[in-house]
Every structure is written in structure tokens, then in C-alpha cells.
Amino acid sequence: MKTKLAGLTVLLLLGVSSLAADALSDSAIKEKILGYWGNARHSYLIKSDGVMYMCPRDISTTTNRWDVKDGMFYLDGDAHKIVSLTDQQFVYRSTGAKSFTVTWKRLTEREAEGR
């Protein structure tokens, strides 16, 4: 029994360390987030200066501040857990009492700006 438990512990530790190795740095996450994203409700342009613009920008004045710290996505100062981030999809979940999940897909400028 002790041998099986020790083996399981080693496997779990190896799995955790390999997950940590696959995790992106904050700067890599920031780079991957840049660009146009959206869902059925809104589209956005996320810029490297920490500003996120609601699109279409020619008629919308809504902006938000964003950042990534310690692997968390911050939107106007509120922390969100990054559930997944690929080239085509960004999913994050709020960490507050009223939890919600947001899924965005990568958009082209034409799709986001409606041109």
C-alpha cells in the first residue's frame, strides 16, 4: 500500500510540475491577448498600453483598463482567472462572490469594427 501511495504521489508531483512548465508568463499572456476579441454581446480591441476599447470605436467611447499579474486577468482592477487562452479563444472567470464566465473569440478588425 505504501508503495502504491508513494508512486501516486510521484505521479501527481510530476503532473503538477509539467503543468507549471506549460504555463505562460505574464508577458506571454499579455502578448497573446492583444488584438480584437468579442462575443455575441460586444467586441473589443485590446491594446498593449493597458486600454481596452469597445468596438466599433468610431461610435463607442467605452474604455476599460486591463492587465495580467501572476497569471490572472485584471479588468478595471477586478481579478479574473484565465480558464483558457488560445490563438482563437479567450475564456476567463470572475473571482468574486457572483461568479461568471466570459468567452471571447478572436475577431478580425473588419468583424469587430463592422466595416
N, C-alpha and C. Protein backbone atom coordinates (compact mmCIF):
# COMPACT_ATOMS: atom_id res chain seq x y z
N MET A 1 0.82 -1.19 0.00
CA MET A 1 0.00 0.00 0.00
C MET A 1 0.86 1.25 0.00
N LYS A 2 1.93 1.25 0.83
CA LYS A 2 2.82 2.41 0.88
C LYS A 2 3.49 2.64 -0.47
N THR A 3 3.84 1.56 -1.16
CA THR A 3 4.50 1.66 -2.46
C THR A 3 3.55 2.30 -3.48
N LYS A 4 2.29 1.87 -3.47
CA LYS A 4 1.31 2.44 -4.40
C LYS A 4 1.09 3.92 -4.09
N LEU A 5 1.00 4.26 -2.81
CA LEU A 5 0.79 5.65 -2.41
C LEU A 5 1.99 6.51 -2.81
N ALA A 6 3.20 5.99 -2.61
CA ALA A 6 4.40 6.73 -2.99
C ALA A 6 4.45 6.93 -4.50
N GLY A 7 4.08 5.90 -5.24
CA GLY A 7 4.06 6.00 -6.71
C GLY A 7 3.04 7.03 -7.18
N LEU A 8 1.88 7.03 -6.55
CA LEU A 8 0.84 8.00 -6.89
C LEU A 8 1.31 9.42 -6.58
N THR A 9 1.97 9.59 -5.46
CA THR A 9 2.48 10.91 -5.07
C THR A 9 3.49 11.40 -6.10
N VAL A 10 4.39 10.54 -6.52
CA VAL A 10 5.40 10.92 -7.53
C VAL A 10 4.71 11.31 -8.83
N LEU A 11 3.72 10.54 -9.27
CA LEU A 11 3.00 10.87 -10.50
C LEU A 11 2.28 12.21 -10.40
N LEU A 12 1.66 12.47 -9.26
CA LEU A 12 0.98 13.75 -9.06
C LEU A 12 1.96 14.90 -9.10
N LEU A 13 3.10 14.74 -8.43
CA LEU A 13 4.11 15.80 -8.44
C LEU A 13 4.67 16.04 -9.82
N LEU A 14 4.88 15.00 -10.59
CA LEU A 14 5.35 15.15 -11.96
C LEU A 14 4.31 15.87 -12.81
N GLY A 15 3.05 15.53 -12.62
CA GLY A 15 1.97 16.18 -13.37
C GLY A 15 1.87 17.65 -13.05
N VAL A 16 1.99 18.01 -11.78
CA VAL A 16 1.92 19.41 -11.37
C VAL A 16 3.11 20.18 -11.93
N SER A 17 4.30 19.60 -11.87
CA SER A 17 5.47 20.32 -12.38
C SER A 17 5.40 20.49 -13.89
N SER A 18 4.84 19.52 -14.60
CA SER A 18 4.72 19.68 -16.05
C SER A 18 3.67 20.73 -16.40
N LEU A 19 2.61 20.84 -15.59
CA LEU A 19 1.62 21.89 -15.81
C LEU A 19 2.23 23.26 -15.60
N ALA A 20 3.05 23.38 -14.57
CA ALA A 20 3.70 24.66 -14.29
C ALA A 20 4.63 25.04 -15.43
N ALA A 21 5.32 24.07 -16.00
CA ALA A 21 6.25 24.35 -17.10
C ALA A 21 5.50 24.82 -18.33
N ASP A 22 4.25 24.35 -18.52
CA ASP A 22 3.45 24.74 -19.68
C ASP A 22 2.79 26.10 -19.51
N ALA A 23 2.75 26.63 -18.29
CA ALA A 23 2.07 27.89 -18.03
C ALA A 23 2.83 29.03 -18.71
N LEU A 24 2.07 29.97 -19.24
CA LEU A 24 2.68 31.12 -19.90
C LEU A 24 3.07 32.17 -18.86
N SER A 25 4.11 32.91 -19.15
CA SER A 25 4.49 34.03 -18.30
C SER A 25 3.47 35.15 -18.48
N ASP A 26 3.45 36.08 -17.55
CA ASP A 26 2.53 37.22 -17.67
C ASP A 26 2.76 37.97 -18.98
N SER A 27 4.02 38.17 -19.35
CA SER A 27 4.29 38.91 -20.60
C SER A 27 3.82 38.13 -21.83
N ALA A 28 3.93 36.80 -21.79
CA ALA A 28 3.44 35.99 -22.92
C ALA A 28 1.93 36.02 -22.99
N ILE A 29 1.26 36.01 -21.84
CA ILE A 29 -0.20 36.11 -21.82
C ILE A 29 -0.63 37.46 -22.38
N LYS A 30 0.03 38.53 -21.93
CA LYS A 30 -0.30 39.87 -22.43
C LYS A 30 -0.17 39.94 -23.94
N GLU A 31 0.89 39.40 -24.45
CA GLU A 31 1.13 39.42 -25.90
C GLU A 31 0.03 38.65 -26.64
N LYS A 32 -0.38 37.53 -26.08
CA LYS A 32 -1.39 36.69 -26.72
C LYS A 32 -2.78 37.33 -26.69
N ILE A 33 -3.04 38.15 -25.68
CA ILE A 33 -4.35 38.79 -25.52
C ILE A 33 -4.55 39.96 -26.47
N LEU A 34 -3.48 40.57 -26.92
CA LEU A 34 -3.59 41.76 -27.77
C LEU A 34 -4.41 41.49 -29.03
N GLY A 35 -5.20 42.49 -29.43
CA GLY A 35 -5.95 42.39 -30.67
C GLY A 35 -7.45 42.47 -30.46
N TYR A 36 -8.18 42.05 -31.46
CA TYR A 36 -9.65 42.10 -31.44
C TYR A 36 -10.24 40.81 -30.90
N TRP A 37 -11.21 40.96 -29.99
CA TRP A 37 -11.92 39.83 -29.38
C TRP A 37 -13.39 40.21 -29.29
N GLY A 38 -14.25 39.20 -29.19
CA GLY A 38 -15.65 39.53 -29.00
C GLY A 38 -16.51 38.31 -28.74
N ASN A 39 -17.76 38.60 -28.41
CA ASN A 39 -18.78 37.57 -28.25
C ASN A 39 -20.07 38.14 -28.83
N ALA A 40 -21.17 37.49 -28.59
CA ALA A 40 -22.45 37.93 -29.16
C ALA A 40 -22.85 39.32 -28.65
N ARG A 41 -22.36 39.70 -27.50
CA ARG A 41 -22.76 40.97 -26.90
C ARG A 41 -21.93 42.17 -27.39
N HIS A 42 -20.61 42.04 -27.37
CA HIS A 42 -19.73 43.16 -27.72
C HIS A 42 -18.44 42.65 -28.36
N SER A 43 -17.77 43.57 -29.03
CA SER A 43 -16.42 43.29 -29.50
C SER A 43 -15.49 44.36 -28.92
N TYR A 44 -14.22 44.00 -28.79
CA TYR A 44 -13.24 44.86 -28.13
C TYR A 44 -11.91 44.83 -28.87
N LEU A 45 -11.15 45.91 -28.71
CA LEU A 45 -9.77 45.96 -29.15
C LEU A 45 -8.92 46.11 -27.90
N ILE A 46 -8.04 45.15 -27.66
CA ILE A 46 -7.16 45.18 -26.51
C ILE A 46 -5.79 45.63 -26.98
N LYS A 47 -5.32 46.75 -26.43
CA LYS A 47 -4.06 47.36 -26.84
C LYS A 47 -2.98 47.14 -25.77
N SER A 48 -1.74 47.24 -26.21
CA SER A 48 -0.60 46.98 -25.32
C SER A 48 -0.42 48.04 -24.23
N ASP A 49 -1.07 49.19 -24.36
CA ASP A 49 -0.94 50.24 -23.35
C ASP A 49 -1.85 50.04 -22.15
N GLY A 50 -2.55 48.88 -22.10
CA GLY A 50 -3.41 48.58 -20.97
C GLY A 50 -4.83 49.11 -21.11
N VAL A 51 -5.17 49.59 -22.30
CA VAL A 51 -6.52 50.09 -22.54
C VAL A 51 -7.25 49.11 -23.45
N MET A 52 -8.52 48.88 -23.13
CA MET A 52 -9.38 48.02 -23.94
C MET A 52 -10.53 48.90 -24.43
N TYR A 53 -10.73 48.93 -25.73
CA TYR A 53 -11.75 49.76 -26.36
C TYR A 53 -12.93 48.91 -26.81
N MET A 54 -14.14 49.35 -26.52
CA MET A 54 -15.31 48.69 -27.07
C MET A 54 -15.42 49.11 -28.54
N CYS A 55 -15.82 48.20 -29.38
CA CYS A 55 -15.97 48.47 -30.81
C CYS A 55 -17.44 48.53 -31.17
N PRO A 56 -17.80 49.19 -32.24
CA PRO A 56 -16.92 49.93 -33.15
C PRO A 56 -16.45 51.23 -32.49
N ARG A 57 -15.16 51.51 -32.66
CA ARG A 57 -14.55 52.63 -31.96
C ARG A 57 -15.02 53.98 -32.47
N ASP A 58 -15.52 54.04 -33.69
CA ASP A 58 -15.97 55.34 -34.21
C ASP A 58 -17.26 55.84 -33.55
N ILE A 59 -18.01 54.95 -32.89
CA ILE A 59 -19.24 55.39 -32.21
C ILE A 59 -19.26 55.07 -30.72
N SER A 60 -18.30 54.27 -30.25
CA SER A 60 -18.27 53.89 -28.85
C SER A 60 -17.16 54.64 -28.12
N THR A 61 -17.49 55.14 -26.95
CA THR A 61 -16.49 55.83 -26.12
C THR A 61 -16.12 55.00 -24.90
N THR A 62 -16.63 53.78 -24.80
CA THR A 62 -16.37 52.94 -23.64
C THR A 62 -14.96 52.37 -23.69
N THR A 63 -14.22 52.60 -22.60
CA THR A 63 -12.89 52.01 -22.47
C THR A 63 -12.78 51.36 -21.09
N ASN A 64 -11.89 50.41 -21.01
CA ASN A 64 -11.59 49.72 -19.76
C ASN A 64 -10.09 49.63 -19.64
N ARG A 65 -9.60 49.42 -18.41
CA ARG A 65 -8.18 49.17 -18.16
C ARG A 65 -8.01 47.68 -17.93
N TRP A 66 -6.94 47.11 -18.48
CA TRP A 66 -6.68 45.69 -18.31
C TRP A 66 -5.21 45.47 -17.96
N ASP A 67 -4.93 44.30 -17.38
CA ASP A 67 -3.56 43.92 -17.06
C ASP A 67 -3.54 42.42 -16.79
N VAL A 68 -2.35 41.88 -16.72
CA VAL A 68 -2.15 40.48 -16.32
C VAL A 68 -1.08 40.49 -15.24
N LYS A 69 -1.40 39.91 -14.09
CA LYS A 69 -0.46 39.80 -12.98
C LYS A 69 -0.60 38.42 -12.35
N ASP A 70 0.52 37.76 -12.18
CA ASP A 70 0.55 36.43 -11.56
C ASP A 70 -0.44 35.47 -12.23
N GLY A 71 -0.53 35.55 -13.55
CA GLY A 71 -1.39 34.64 -14.30
C GLY A 71 -2.87 34.96 -14.25
N MET A 72 -3.23 36.08 -13.64
CA MET A 72 -4.63 36.49 -13.54
C MET A 72 -4.89 37.65 -14.50
N PHE A 73 -6.08 37.70 -15.08
CA PHE A 73 -6.50 38.77 -15.97
C PHE A 73 -7.26 39.79 -15.14
N TYR A 74 -6.80 41.03 -15.15
CA TYR A 74 -7.45 42.10 -14.40
C TYR A 74 -8.17 43.03 -15.36
N LEU A 75 -9.42 43.27 -15.08
CA LEU A 75 -10.25 44.16 -15.89
C LEU A 75 -10.81 45.22 -14.95
N ASP A 76 -10.39 46.46 -15.17
CA ASP A 76 -10.75 47.58 -14.28
C ASP A 76 -10.47 47.25 -12.82
N GLY A 77 -9.35 46.58 -12.57
CA GLY A 77 -8.92 46.26 -11.22
C GLY A 77 -9.49 44.99 -10.62
N ASP A 78 -10.49 44.39 -11.27
CA ASP A 78 -11.09 43.15 -10.76
C ASP A 78 -10.34 41.94 -11.32
N ALA A 79 -9.99 41.00 -10.45
CA ALA A 79 -9.24 39.81 -10.84
C ALA A 79 -10.15 38.76 -11.46
N HIS A 80 -9.64 38.13 -12.53
CA HIS A 80 -10.35 37.04 -13.20
C HIS A 80 -9.35 35.92 -13.47
N LYS A 81 -9.80 34.69 -13.24
CA LYS A 81 -8.98 33.52 -13.51
C LYS A 81 -9.04 33.23 -15.01
N ILE A 82 -7.88 33.05 -15.61
CA ILE A 82 -7.83 32.68 -17.02
C ILE A 82 -8.10 31.18 -17.11
N VAL A 83 -9.24 30.82 -17.68
CA VAL A 83 -9.62 29.42 -17.81
C VAL A 83 -8.89 28.80 -18.99
N SER A 84 -8.89 29.50 -20.13
CA SER A 84 -8.13 29.05 -21.29
C SER A 84 -7.83 30.24 -22.19
N LEU A 85 -6.70 30.14 -22.88
CA LEU A 85 -6.29 31.18 -23.81
C LEU A 85 -5.57 30.52 -24.96
N THR A 86 -6.19 30.56 -26.12
CA THR A 86 -5.59 30.03 -27.34
C THR A 86 -5.51 31.17 -28.34
N ASP A 87 -5.02 30.89 -29.52
CA ASP A 87 -4.97 31.92 -30.56
C ASP A 87 -6.36 32.38 -30.97
N GLN A 88 -7.37 31.53 -30.78
CA GLN A 88 -8.72 31.83 -31.26
C GLN A 88 -9.77 32.01 -30.17
N GLN A 89 -9.45 31.67 -28.92
CA GLN A 89 -10.46 31.77 -27.86
C GLN A 89 -9.82 32.18 -26.54
N PHE A 90 -10.53 33.04 -25.82
CA PHE A 90 -10.09 33.52 -24.50
C PHE A 90 -11.27 33.36 -23.54
N VAL A 91 -11.08 32.54 -22.51
CA VAL A 91 -12.12 32.30 -21.52
C VAL A 91 -11.57 32.69 -20.15
N TYR A 92 -12.33 33.54 -19.45
CA TYR A 92 -11.94 33.91 -18.10
C TYR A 92 -13.16 33.88 -17.18
N ARG A 93 -12.87 33.71 -15.88
CA ARG A 93 -13.93 33.58 -14.88
C ARG A 93 -13.67 34.56 -13.74
N SER A 94 -14.72 35.23 -13.32
CA SER A 94 -14.59 36.16 -12.21
C SER A 94 -14.24 35.41 -10.93
N THR A 95 -13.62 36.13 -10.01
CA THR A 95 -13.25 35.51 -8.74
C THR A 95 -14.10 36.04 -7.59
N GLY A 96 -15.06 36.89 -7.89
CA GLY A 96 -15.92 37.47 -6.85
C GLY A 96 -17.00 36.52 -6.39
N ALA A 97 -17.84 37.01 -5.51
CA ALA A 97 -18.92 36.22 -4.93
C ALA A 97 -19.93 35.79 -5.99
N LYS A 98 -20.23 36.66 -6.94
CA LYS A 98 -21.16 36.32 -8.01
C LYS A 98 -20.35 35.94 -9.25
N SER A 99 -19.89 34.71 -9.26
CA SER A 99 -19.00 34.22 -10.32
C SER A 99 -19.70 34.15 -11.67
N PHE A 100 -18.98 34.56 -12.70
CA PHE A 100 -19.47 34.44 -14.07
C PHE A 100 -18.29 34.11 -14.97
N THR A 101 -18.57 33.52 -16.11
CA THR A 101 -17.53 33.15 -17.07
C THR A 101 -17.80 33.89 -18.37
N VAL A 102 -16.73 34.39 -18.99
CA VAL A 102 -16.83 35.11 -20.25
C VAL A 102 -15.99 34.35 -21.28
N THR A 103 -16.57 34.15 -22.46
CA THR A 103 -15.85 33.52 -23.56
C THR A 103 -15.81 34.49 -24.73
N TRP A 104 -14.62 34.78 -25.18
CA TRP A 104 -14.42 35.63 -26.35
C TRP A 104 -13.77 34.81 -27.44
N LYS A 105 -14.08 35.14 -28.68
CA LYS A 105 -13.37 34.54 -29.80
C LYS A 105 -12.58 35.63 -30.50
N ARG A 106 -11.50 35.22 -31.13
CA ARG A 106 -10.65 36.15 -31.87
C ARG A 106 -11.42 36.68 -33.06
N LEU A 107 -11.35 37.99 -33.28
CA LEU A 107 -12.02 38.62 -34.40
C LEU A 107 -11.02 39.34 -35.28
N THR A 108 -11.40 39.56 -36.51
CA THR A 108 -10.62 40.43 -37.37
C THR A 108 -11.07 41.86 -37.12
N GLU A 109 -10.28 42.82 -37.58
CA GLU A 109 -10.67 44.22 -37.43
C GLU A 109 -12.01 44.47 -38.11
N ARG A 110 -12.19 43.89 -39.26
CA ARG A 110 -13.46 44.07 -40.01
C ARG A 110 -14.65 43.54 -39.22
N GLU A 111 -14.50 42.36 -38.62
CA GLU A 111 -15.59 41.79 -37.82
C GLU A 111 -15.89 42.65 -36.61
N ALA A 112 -14.86 43.13 -35.92
CA ALA A 112 -15.05 43.88 -34.69
C ALA A 112 -15.57 45.29 -34.94
N GLU A 113 -15.06 45.92 -35.98
CA GLU A 113 -15.41 47.30 -36.25
C GLU A 113 -16.64 47.43 -37.17
N GLY A 114 -17.11 46.30 -37.70
CA GLY A 114 -18.30 46.32 -38.55
C GLY A 114 -18.09 46.97 -39.90
N ARG A 115 -16.88 46.89 -40.39
CA ARG A 115 -16.56 47.52 -41.69
C ARG A 115 -16.50 46.52 -42.80
